[in-house]
């Protein structure tokens, strides 16, 4: 599959249900940092 057709989603692990997901602010920040790092690792090289 081409990287142009691949995406990265934060849908799971945050609040996928009405009740939510008990995450601390630090856990949320860590998840977002991981998503950002994966995106940089995968797509930055392609656009350089």
C-alpha atoms as a PDB file:
ATOM      1  CA  UNK A   1       0.000   0.000   0.000  1.00  0.00           C
ATOM      2  CA  UNK A   2       1.260   3.458  -0.876  1.00  0.00           C
ATOM      3  CA  UNK A   3       1.964   5.844   2.007  1.00  0.00           C
ATOM      4  CA  UNK A   4      -0.276   8.331   0.191  1.00  0.00           C
ATOM      5  CA  UNK A   5      -3.197   6.018   0.985  1.00  0.00           C
ATOM      6  CA  UNK A   6      -2.247   5.311   4.602  1.00  0.00           C
ATOM      7  CA  UNK A   7      -3.489   7.244   7.623  1.00  0.00           C
ATOM      8  CA  UNK A   8      -2.898   7.288  11.345  1.00  0.00           C
ATOM      9  CA  UNK A   9      -5.889   7.642  13.654  1.00  0.00           C
ATOM     10  CA  UNK A  10      -6.249   8.474  17.339  1.00  0.00           C
ATOM     11  CA  UNK A  11      -9.764   7.050  17.491  1.00  0.00           C
ATOM     12  CA  UNK A  12      -9.019   4.217  19.919  1.00  0.00           C
ATOM     13  CA  UNK A  13      -7.629   4.646  23.388  1.00  0.00           C
ATOM     14  CA  UNK A  14      -9.021   8.065  24.218  1.00  0.00           C
ATOM     15  CA  UNK A  15     -12.812   8.093  24.637  1.00  0.00           C
ATOM     16  CA  UNK A  16     -14.466   5.674  22.240  1.00  0.00           C
ATOM     17  CA  UNK A  17     -17.581   5.342  24.397  1.00  0.00           C
ATOM     18  CA  UNK A  18     -19.987   7.671  26.156  1.00  0.00           C
ATOM     19  CA  UNK A  19     -18.431   6.757  29.504  1.00  0.00           C
ATOM     20  CA  UNK A  20     -15.045   7.836  28.229  1.00  0.00           C
ATOM     21  CA  UNK A  21     -11.651   6.466  29.093  1.00  0.00           C
ATOM     22  CA  UNK A  22     -10.029   7.451  32.376  1.00  0.00           C
ATOM     23  CA  UNK A  23      -6.721   8.882  31.200  1.00  0.00           C
ATOM     24  CA  UNK A  24      -4.566  11.388  32.985  1.00  0.00           C
ATOM     25  CA  UNK A  25      -3.474  14.496  31.150  1.00  0.00           C
ATOM     26  CA  UNK A  26       0.041  13.037  31.050  1.00  0.00           C
ATOM     27  CA  UNK A  27      -1.227   9.806  29.449  1.00  0.00           C
ATOM     28  CA  UNK A  28      -3.134  11.773  26.821  1.00  0.00           C
ATOM     29  CA  UNK A  29      -0.035  13.858  26.081  1.00  0.00           C
ATOM     30  CA  UNK A  30       2.112  10.723  25.756  1.00  0.00           C
ATOM     31  CA  UNK A  31      -0.364   9.151  23.312  1.00  0.00           C
ATOM     32  CA  UNK A  32      -0.427  12.288  21.160  1.00  0.00           C
ATOM     33  CA  UNK A  33       3.370  12.529  21.216  1.00  0.00           C
ATOM     34  CA  UNK A  34       3.586   8.911  20.056  1.00  0.00           C
ATOM     35  CA  UNK A  35       1.155   9.575  17.191  1.00  0.00           C
ATOM     36  CA  UNK A  36       3.145  12.648  16.154  1.00  0.00           C
ATOM     37  CA  UNK A  37       6.448  10.733  16.273  1.00  0.00           C
ATOM     38  CA  UNK A  38       5.057   7.890  14.178  1.00  0.00           C
ATOM     39  CA  UNK A  39       3.747  10.389  11.615  1.00  0.00           C
ATOM     40  CA  UNK A  40       7.157  12.082  11.436  1.00  0.00           C
ATOM     41  CA  UNK A  41       8.946   8.731  11.122  1.00  0.00           C
ATOM     42  CA  UNK A  42       6.645   7.536   8.340  1.00  0.00           C
ATOM     43  CA  UNK A  43       5.828  10.653   6.319  1.00  0.00           C
ATOM     44  CA  UNK A  44       8.610  13.215   6.855  1.00  0.00           C
ATOM     45  CA  UNK A  45      11.090  11.133   4.896  1.00  0.00           C
ATOM     46  CA  UNK A  46       8.634  10.829   2.001  1.00  0.00           C
ATOM     47  CA  UNK A  47       8.221  14.616   1.748  1.00  0.00           C
ATOM     48  CA  UNK A  48      11.897  15.558   2.108  1.00  0.00           C
END
